[in-house]
Protein backbone atom coordinates (compact mmCIF):
# COMPACT_ATOMS: atom_id res chain seq x y z
CA MET A 1 18.92 -10.82 -4.50
CA ALA A 2 16.70 -11.10 -7.54
CA THR A 3 13.81 -9.55 -9.43
CA ILE A 4 11.00 -12.07 -9.94
CA ASP A 5 8.71 -11.75 -12.96
CA ILE A 6 5.56 -13.87 -12.94
CA LYS A 7 3.93 -13.70 -16.36
CA ASN A 8 0.43 -14.95 -17.25
CA LEU A 9 0.71 -17.71 -14.65
CA ARG A 10 -2.03 -20.31 -14.74
CA LYS A 11 -2.14 -23.41 -12.58
CA VAL A 12 -4.80 -26.07 -13.06
CA PHE A 13 -5.22 -29.18 -10.92
CA GLY A 14 -7.03 -32.29 -12.17
CA ASP A 15 -7.67 -33.82 -15.57
CA ALA A 16 -9.91 -32.80 -18.43
CA GLY A 17 -12.91 -34.34 -16.68
CA GLU A 18 -12.72 -32.31 -13.51
CA GLN A 19 -10.39 -29.34 -13.23
CA ILE A 20 -9.72 -26.80 -10.51
CA VAL A 21 -8.16 -23.51 -11.60
CA ALA A 22 -6.02 -22.52 -8.62
CA VAL A 23 -4.27 -19.54 -10.26
CA ASP A 24 -5.51 -17.76 -13.36
CA ASP A 25 -3.73 -15.22 -15.59
CA PHE A 26 -1.47 -13.97 -12.81
CA ASP A 27 0.98 -11.15 -13.65
CA LEU A 28 3.31 -9.66 -11.06
CA THR A 29 6.86 -8.37 -10.65
CA ILE A 30 8.55 -8.68 -7.26
CA GLU A 31 11.28 -6.07 -7.20
CA ASP A 32 14.87 -6.75 -6.18
CA GLY A 33 15.09 -6.61 -2.37
CA GLU A 34 11.34 -6.14 -1.92
CA PHE A 35 9.25 -7.71 0.85
CA LEU A 36 6.00 -8.60 -0.93
CA VAL A 37 3.08 -10.24 0.87
CA PHE A 38 0.47 -12.45 -0.78
CA VAL A 39 -2.82 -12.26 1.11
CA GLY A 40 -6.33 -13.52 0.56
CA PRO A 41 -8.94 -15.95 1.90
CA SER A 42 -8.34 -19.70 2.08
CA GLY A 43 -8.24 -21.28 -1.37
CA CYS A 44 -7.48 -18.02 -3.20
CA GLY A 45 -4.26 -19.35 -4.80
CA LYS A 46 -1.58 -17.60 -2.75
CA THR A 47 0.27 -20.73 -1.57
CA THR A 48 -0.03 -22.32 -5.02
CA THR A 49 1.57 -19.22 -6.55
CA LEU A 50 4.40 -19.41 -4.02
CA ARG A 51 4.96 -23.10 -4.75
CA CYS A 52 5.09 -22.39 -8.48
CA VAL A 53 7.77 -19.75 -7.88
CA ALA A 54 9.68 -22.24 -5.72
CA GLY A 55 9.49 -24.96 -8.37
CA LEU A 56 7.42 -27.27 -6.15
CA GLU A 57 4.46 -27.11 -8.56
CA ASP A 58 4.53 -27.37 -12.34
CA VAL A 59 3.14 -24.37 -14.22
CA THR A 60 0.18 -25.09 -16.52
CA GLU A 61 0.65 -21.90 -18.55
CA GLY A 62 2.81 -18.80 -18.33
CA SER A 63 6.37 -18.26 -17.15
CA ILE A 64 8.51 -17.34 -14.16
CA GLU A 65 11.76 -15.43 -14.53
CA PHE A 66 14.55 -14.71 -12.05
CA ASP A 67 16.52 -11.63 -13.15
CA GLY A 68 15.37 -12.15 -16.73
CA THR A 69 16.25 -15.87 -16.81
CA ASP A 70 13.34 -18.21 -17.46
CA VAL A 71 13.21 -20.78 -14.63
CA THR A 72 9.72 -22.12 -15.38
CA ASP A 73 10.94 -25.64 -16.16
CA GLN A 74 13.74 -25.74 -13.58
CA ARG A 75 13.39 -28.03 -10.58
CA ALA A 76 13.22 -26.56 -7.09
CA ARG A 77 16.82 -27.50 -6.27
CA GLU A 78 18.02 -25.64 -9.37
CA ARG A 79 16.50 -22.36 -8.20
CA ASP A 80 18.37 -20.29 -5.64
CA VAL A 81 15.48 -20.04 -3.19
CA ALA A 82 14.98 -20.86 0.49
CA MET A 83 11.57 -21.67 1.95
CA VAL A 84 10.19 -21.34 5.46
CA PHE A 85 7.02 -23.36 6.01
CA GLN A 86 4.15 -23.14 8.47
CA ASN A 87 5.23 -26.31 10.30
CA TYR A 88 8.96 -25.36 10.26
CA ALA A 89 9.90 -28.90 9.02
CA LEU A 90 12.83 -29.32 11.42
CA TYR A 91 14.59 -32.66 11.70
CA PRO A 92 13.62 -33.98 15.18
CA HIS A 93 16.76 -36.13 15.62
CA MET A 94 19.16 -33.26 14.84
CA THR A 95 20.39 -30.51 17.16
CA VAL A 96 19.81 -26.87 16.30
CA ARG A 97 23.38 -26.65 14.99
CA LYS A 98 22.87 -29.61 12.65
CA ASN A 99 19.41 -28.44 11.53
CA ILE A 100 20.71 -25.01 10.53
CA GLY A 101 23.90 -26.31 8.92
CA PHE A 102 22.17 -29.12 7.02
CA PRO A 103 21.59 -27.19 3.75
CA LEU A 104 25.32 -26.42 3.48
CA ARG A 105 26.34 -30.00 4.26
CA LEU A 106 23.90 -31.18 1.60
CA SER A 107 24.76 -28.74 -1.20
CA THR A 108 28.35 -27.58 -0.68
CA LYS A 109 31.81 -28.98 -0.09
CA GLN A 110 32.56 -26.67 2.79
CA SER A 111 34.40 -28.14 5.74
CA THR A 112 32.73 -28.82 9.07
CA ALA A 113 34.65 -25.91 10.60
CA GLU A 114 33.48 -23.52 7.86
CA ILE A 115 29.86 -24.63 8.25
CA ASP A 116 30.02 -24.33 12.05
CA ALA A 117 31.40 -20.80 11.72
CA LYS A 118 28.46 -19.82 9.49
CA VAL A 119 26.00 -21.48 11.88
CA ASP A 120 27.48 -19.46 14.74
CA GLU A 121 27.12 -16.26 12.71
CA VAL A 122 23.48 -16.95 11.82
CA THR A 123 22.43 -18.04 15.32
CA GLU A 124 24.03 -14.96 16.83
CA MET A 125 22.06 -12.83 14.37
CA LEU A 126 18.84 -14.58 15.44
CA GLY A 127 19.68 -14.58 19.16
CA ILE A 128 19.56 -18.37 19.53
CA GLN A 129 23.25 -19.20 19.95
CA GLN A 130 22.49 -20.67 23.39
CA LEU A 131 20.23 -23.31 21.78
CA LEU A 132 22.80 -24.93 19.47
CA ASP A 133 22.94 -28.26 21.30
CA GLN A 134 19.21 -28.64 21.84
CA LYS A 135 16.76 -30.59 19.69
CA PRO A 136 13.46 -29.26 18.27
CA LYS A 137 11.26 -30.95 20.89
CA GLU A 138 13.06 -28.95 23.59
CA LEU A 139 12.28 -25.60 21.92
CA SER A 140 9.31 -23.24 22.11
CA GLY A 141 7.33 -22.32 19.01
CA GLY A 142 9.18 -19.04 18.63
CA GLN A 143 12.56 -20.74 18.99
CA GLN A 144 11.65 -23.37 16.39
CA GLN A 145 10.60 -20.59 14.05
CA ARG A 146 13.98 -18.90 14.46
CA VAL A 147 15.76 -22.18 13.73
CA ALA A 148 13.73 -22.59 10.53
CA LEU A 149 14.67 -19.04 9.55
CA GLY A 150 18.33 -19.76 10.29
CA ARG A 151 18.27 -22.78 8.03
CA ALA A 152 16.95 -20.55 5.23
CA ILE A 153 19.34 -17.66 5.89
CA ILE A 154 22.49 -19.77 5.94
CA ARG A 155 22.02 -20.64 2.28
CA ASP A 156 22.34 -16.94 1.35
CA PRO A 157 19.66 -17.37 -1.34
CA GLU A 158 18.46 -14.95 -4.01
CA LEU A 159 14.89 -15.34 -2.79
CA PHE A 160 13.11 -16.12 0.48
CA LEU A 161 9.69 -17.77 0.19
CA MET A 162 7.67 -17.90 3.42
CA ASP A 163 4.36 -19.74 3.71
CA GLU A 164 2.47 -18.56 6.82
CA PRO A 165 5.51 -19.01 9.08
CA LEU A 166 3.92 -17.26 12.07
CA SER A 167 0.50 -18.93 12.09
CA ASN A 168 1.40 -21.46 14.83
CA LEU A 169 2.48 -18.77 17.30
CA ASP A 170 0.35 -17.00 19.91
CA ALA A 171 -0.76 -13.42 19.26
CA LYS A 172 1.94 -11.69 21.31
CA LEU A 173 4.79 -13.76 19.88
CA ARG A 174 3.43 -13.28 16.36
CA SER A 175 3.63 -9.53 16.84
CA THR A 176 7.21 -9.79 18.11
CA MET A 177 8.34 -12.13 15.34
CA ARG A 178 6.63 -9.95 12.75
CA THR A 179 8.89 -7.06 13.70
CA GLU A 180 11.96 -9.29 13.85
CA LEU A 181 11.26 -10.69 10.37
CA GLN A 182 10.96 -7.20 8.91
CA GLU A 183 14.21 -6.07 10.52
CA LEU A 184 15.97 -9.23 9.39
CA GLN A 185 14.80 -8.85 5.80
CA GLN A 186 15.89 -5.22 5.74
CA ASP A 187 19.33 -6.14 7.09
CA LEU A 188 19.81 -8.97 4.59
CA GLY A 189 18.20 -7.19 1.64
CA VAL A 190 16.95 -10.48 0.19
CA THR A 191 13.89 -10.44 -2.07
CA THR A 192 11.07 -12.01 -0.07
CA ALA A 193 7.63 -13.35 -0.94
CA TYR A 194 5.49 -14.01 2.11
CA VAL A 195 2.08 -15.73 2.27
CA THR A 196 -0.52 -15.03 4.96
CA HIS A 197 -4.30 -15.12 5.34
CA ASP A 198 -4.10 -12.38 7.98
CA GLN A 199 -4.67 -8.98 6.37
CA THR A 200 -3.42 -7.15 9.46
CA GLU A 201 -0.14 -9.05 9.23
CA ALA A 202 0.07 -8.32 5.53
CA MET A 203 -0.43 -4.59 6.00
CA ALA A 204 2.08 -4.42 8.83
CA MET A 205 4.86 -6.31 7.05
CA GLY A 206 4.77 -5.82 3.30
CA ASP A 207 6.51 -3.18 1.22
CA ARG A 208 3.63 -4.02 -1.10
CA ILE A 209 0.64 -6.33 -0.76
CA ALA A 210 -0.73 -8.61 -3.50
CA ILE A 211 -4.40 -9.43 -2.81
CA LEU A 212 -5.84 -12.57 -4.40
CA ASN A 213 -9.34 -14.00 -4.65
CA GLU A 214 -10.49 -17.14 -6.46
CA GLY A 215 -7.12 -17.52 -8.17
CA LYS A 216 -7.03 -14.00 -9.57
CA LEU A 217 -4.84 -11.08 -8.57
CA GLN A 218 -7.15 -8.29 -7.42
CA GLN A 219 -4.73 -5.47 -6.57
CA VAL A 220 -1.09 -4.79 -5.75
CA GLY A 221 0.01 -1.78 -3.73
CA THR A 222 1.24 -0.42 -0.44
CA ALA A 223 -0.88 -0.83 2.68
CA GLU A 224 -2.11 2.75 2.35
CA GLU A 225 -2.94 2.36 -1.35
CA VAL A 226 -5.04 -0.79 -0.96
CA TYR A 227 -6.76 0.58 2.15
CA ARG A 228 -7.59 4.04 0.85
CA SER A 229 -8.01 3.23 -2.85
CA PRO A 230 -9.24 -0.37 -3.25
CA THR A 231 -9.76 -1.39 -6.84
CA ASN A 232 -13.03 -3.18 -6.09
CA GLU A 233 -15.50 -4.09 -3.36
CA PHE A 234 -13.72 -7.34 -2.52
CA VAL A 235 -10.47 -5.55 -1.68
CA ALA A 236 -12.31 -2.90 0.32
CA GLY A 237 -14.09 -5.58 2.34
CA PHE A 238 -11.05 -7.78 2.87
CA ILE A 239 -8.56 -5.09 3.86
CA GLY A 240 -9.20 -3.35 7.15
CA SER A 241 -10.13 -4.44 10.67
CA PRO A 242 -12.92 -4.01 11.59
CA SER A 243 -14.17 -4.40 8.02
CA ILE A 244 -15.65 -1.58 6.00
CA ASN A 245 -19.42 -1.07 6.26
CA LEU A 246 -21.06 -1.99 2.94
CA PHE A 247 -24.66 -1.81 1.74
CA THR A 248 -26.72 -1.10 -1.39
CA ALA A 249 -28.27 2.30 -2.10
CA ASP A 250 -30.49 3.70 -4.85
CA VAL A 251 -29.40 6.75 -6.84
CA ASP A 252 -31.90 9.57 -7.36
CA GLY A 253 -30.16 12.56 -8.88
CA ASP A 254 -27.77 13.78 -6.22
CA THR A 255 -29.24 11.66 -3.42
CA LEU A 256 -28.44 8.15 -2.19
CA THR A 257 -31.20 6.30 -0.34
CA GLY A 258 -30.90 2.93 1.30
CA PRO A 259 -31.95 0.59 4.11
CA GLY A 260 -33.40 1.80 7.38
CA GLY A 261 -33.95 5.35 6.18
CA PHE A 262 -30.40 5.96 5.02
CA THR A 263 -30.13 9.11 2.92
CA PHE A 264 -27.11 11.09 1.79
CA THR A 265 -26.92 14.02 -0.62
CA LEU A 266 -23.79 14.16 -2.77
CA GLU A 267 -21.97 17.31 -3.76
CA ASP A 268 -20.21 15.53 -6.66
CA THR A 269 -22.68 13.53 -8.74
CA ALA A 270 -20.70 13.30 -11.99
CA LEU A 271 -19.65 9.69 -11.44
CA LEU A 272 -23.21 8.55 -10.79
CA SER A 273 -24.90 10.07 -13.84
CA ASP A 274 -25.55 6.65 -15.40
CA LYS A 275 -26.14 4.67 -12.19
CA ASP A 276 -29.47 3.64 -10.72
CA ARG A 277 -27.96 1.72 -7.82
CA VAL A 278 -24.55 1.56 -6.12
CA ARG A 279 -22.80 -0.15 -3.26
CA VAL A 280 -21.89 2.26 -0.47
CA GLY A 281 -18.89 1.82 1.81
CA VAL A 282 -17.77 3.71 4.93
CA ARG A 283 -14.84 2.72 7.14
CA PRO A 284 -15.68 2.26 10.87
CA GLU A 285 -13.28 5.04 11.90
CA ASP A 286 -15.03 7.50 9.58
CA LEU A 287 -18.43 7.13 11.25
CA ARG A 288 -19.36 9.52 14.06
CA LEU A 289 -22.43 9.78 16.22
CA SER A 290 -24.62 12.74 15.25
CA SER A 291 -28.23 13.56 16.06
CA GLY A 292 -28.74 14.67 12.46
CA GLY A 293 -26.78 11.82 10.88
CA SER A 294 -27.79 10.11 7.66
CA MET A 295 -27.67 6.58 9.09
CA PRO A 296 -30.40 5.97 11.73
CA SER A 297 -29.47 2.82 13.65
CA VAL A 298 -30.05 0.74 16.76
CA VAL A 299 -27.13 -0.22 19.01
CA THR A 300 -26.62 -3.98 19.38
CA VAL A 301 -23.23 -4.35 21.12
CA VAL A 302 -20.45 -2.12 22.47
CA GLU A 303 -16.99 -3.69 22.70
CA GLN A 304 -14.70 -1.80 25.08
CA MET A 305 -11.10 -1.95 23.86
CA GLY A 306 -9.58 0.38 26.44
CA ASN A 307 -8.38 3.19 24.19
CA GLU A 308 -11.51 3.07 22.02
CA ASN A 309 -14.82 1.28 21.66
CA PHE A 310 -16.26 -0.72 18.78
CA LEU A 311 -19.92 0.13 18.46
CA TYR A 312 -22.03 -2.42 16.59
CA ALA A 313 -25.43 -1.32 15.32
CA GLU A 314 -28.17 -2.33 12.90
CA MET A 315 -29.62 -0.11 10.18
CA GLY A 316 -32.60 -1.61 8.37
CA GLY A 317 -31.15 -5.12 8.43
CA VAL A 318 -27.60 -3.97 7.67
CA ASP A 319 -24.94 -4.50 10.35
CA LEU A 320 -22.72 -1.49 11.01
CA THR A 321 -19.49 -1.06 12.96
CA ALA A 322 -18.08 2.24 14.23
CA ARG A 323 -14.87 3.04 16.11
CA ILE A 324 -15.75 5.60 18.76
CA GLU A 325 -14.20 7.22 21.82
CA SER A 326 -13.74 5.02 24.87
CA GLY A 327 -15.97 7.24 26.99
CA ILE A 328 -19.02 6.72 24.75
CA LYS A 329 -20.95 3.57 25.76
CA PRO A 330 -24.58 3.62 24.59
CA GLU A 331 -26.67 0.74 25.91
CA GLU A 332 -28.06 -2.06 23.75
CA GLY A 333 -31.27 -0.96 22.02
CA THR A 334 -30.37 2.74 22.03
CA ARG A 335 -31.42 4.57 18.87
CA VAL A 336 -28.53 6.54 17.37
CA ALA A 337 -27.55 8.09 14.05
CA PHE A 338 -24.20 8.09 12.31
CA ALA A 339 -22.75 10.75 10.02
CA PHE A 340 -19.72 10.79 7.73
CA ASP A 341 -18.01 13.17 5.30
CA GLU A 342 -18.30 12.76 1.54
CA GLU A 343 -14.51 12.62 1.17
CA ASP A 344 -14.57 9.40 3.24
CA LEU A 345 -17.29 7.76 1.14
CA TYR A 346 -16.56 4.70 -1.01
CA LEU A 347 -18.81 3.82 -3.95
CA PHE A 348 -18.75 0.60 -5.99
CA ASP A 349 -20.63 -0.58 -9.06
CA SER A 350 -23.52 -2.74 -7.86
CA GLN A 351 -23.04 -5.21 -10.73
CA THR A 352 -19.29 -5.54 -11.20
CA GLY A 353 -18.03 -4.44 -7.79
CA GLU A 354 -15.49 -2.13 -9.41
CA ALA A 355 -14.62 1.05 -7.53
CA ILE A 356 -16.37 4.24 -8.58
CA LYS A 357 -15.11 6.45 -5.76
CA THR A 358 -12.57 5.88 -2.99
CA LYS A 359 -11.16 8.12 -0.27
CA THR A 360 -10.18 11.54 -1.57
CA SER A 361 -8.73 13.31 1.49
CA GLU A 362 -4.98 13.89 1.44
CA THR A 363 -2.72 12.33 4.08
CA ASP A 364 0.67 13.80 3.07
CA VAL A 365 2.65 14.73 6.16
CA ASP A 366 5.87 16.72 6.51
CA TYR A 367 7.90 14.07 8.35
CA ASP A 368 10.97 16.30 8.64
CA GLN A 369 9.44 17.90 11.71
CA TYR A 370 9.60 14.52 13.51
CA VAL A 371 13.17 13.57 12.57
CA HIS A 372 15.71 13.80 15.39
CA THR A 373 19.13 15.09 14.34
CA GLU A 374 22.22 14.26 16.38
CA GLY A 375 22.98 17.14 18.75
CA ALA A 376 19.67 18.89 18.08
């Protein structure tokens, strides 16, 4: 296990004539034993950051430290890390046993019997001991993924680096493997950095989430922190499914006015004293249908999800999404109005995108009432 310190990391591709800044002024500490997820849109720099930590990419500026030791100039094989890639990178001519044991045969002087014993231990942990004599082409996607994990685990590294390892799996298997990966990481206690473009996956898996955009770190925090208190409009829009509703509104004293007749009177106007215009955000689950609502809209589509419905509507050219009860199914073209509470309102600077106001309602729960005690 290790604590990873990434300091002022900058990675530039290309020469002086044409350069691409993939990662810019990146600072982050991954705590010992933490499961940290890098997430962001394609091209945001998350995989490049991971490859710099692994030693697969040279660092243009900055440093990377493992437990206080500078490893910036060390080669990948000199760093005690194990990587799991999107394509699994299994050797097609080797059996599962040989694929998993290969790192030990390559880097240690352990005997064949010792390596086989460790392979047996790892495959039993992963539930694939019955596959030891099969080759990759005979395995399903989920089985190949477990073999790739086994090859990483057997090295007993200080750090796991995983680059979208679940992206080739179907939705149901991804959900299953997501849970298995979390349980495995908790059992092993190995510091893990995980890359995904799927924000739902990131929120479900990470102890903390690092959100990147255009090579810059936008925010680091728990799923609840980045969802409820995004540092800027980008984070608010990227985190959450369906996405937050966002639109521009004018500020007139204590009143916000916007497209399609939107109007909302604020109780707390202190933060808007010097603003003429703001960006307004409301999460889909915080909208409710109300005849006197502040957001007059026209229904465009209702998606029935079984336990709830997603209601899509249009308000003066702005698309809105609301999560509503499954029994409510207004027809296309129906005129409705949405309401929301001020505590659920997000406000962002219209120029910089920086957060002015995020959710303010408390969610602290006394979990002791739900804990089952033996014999109770």
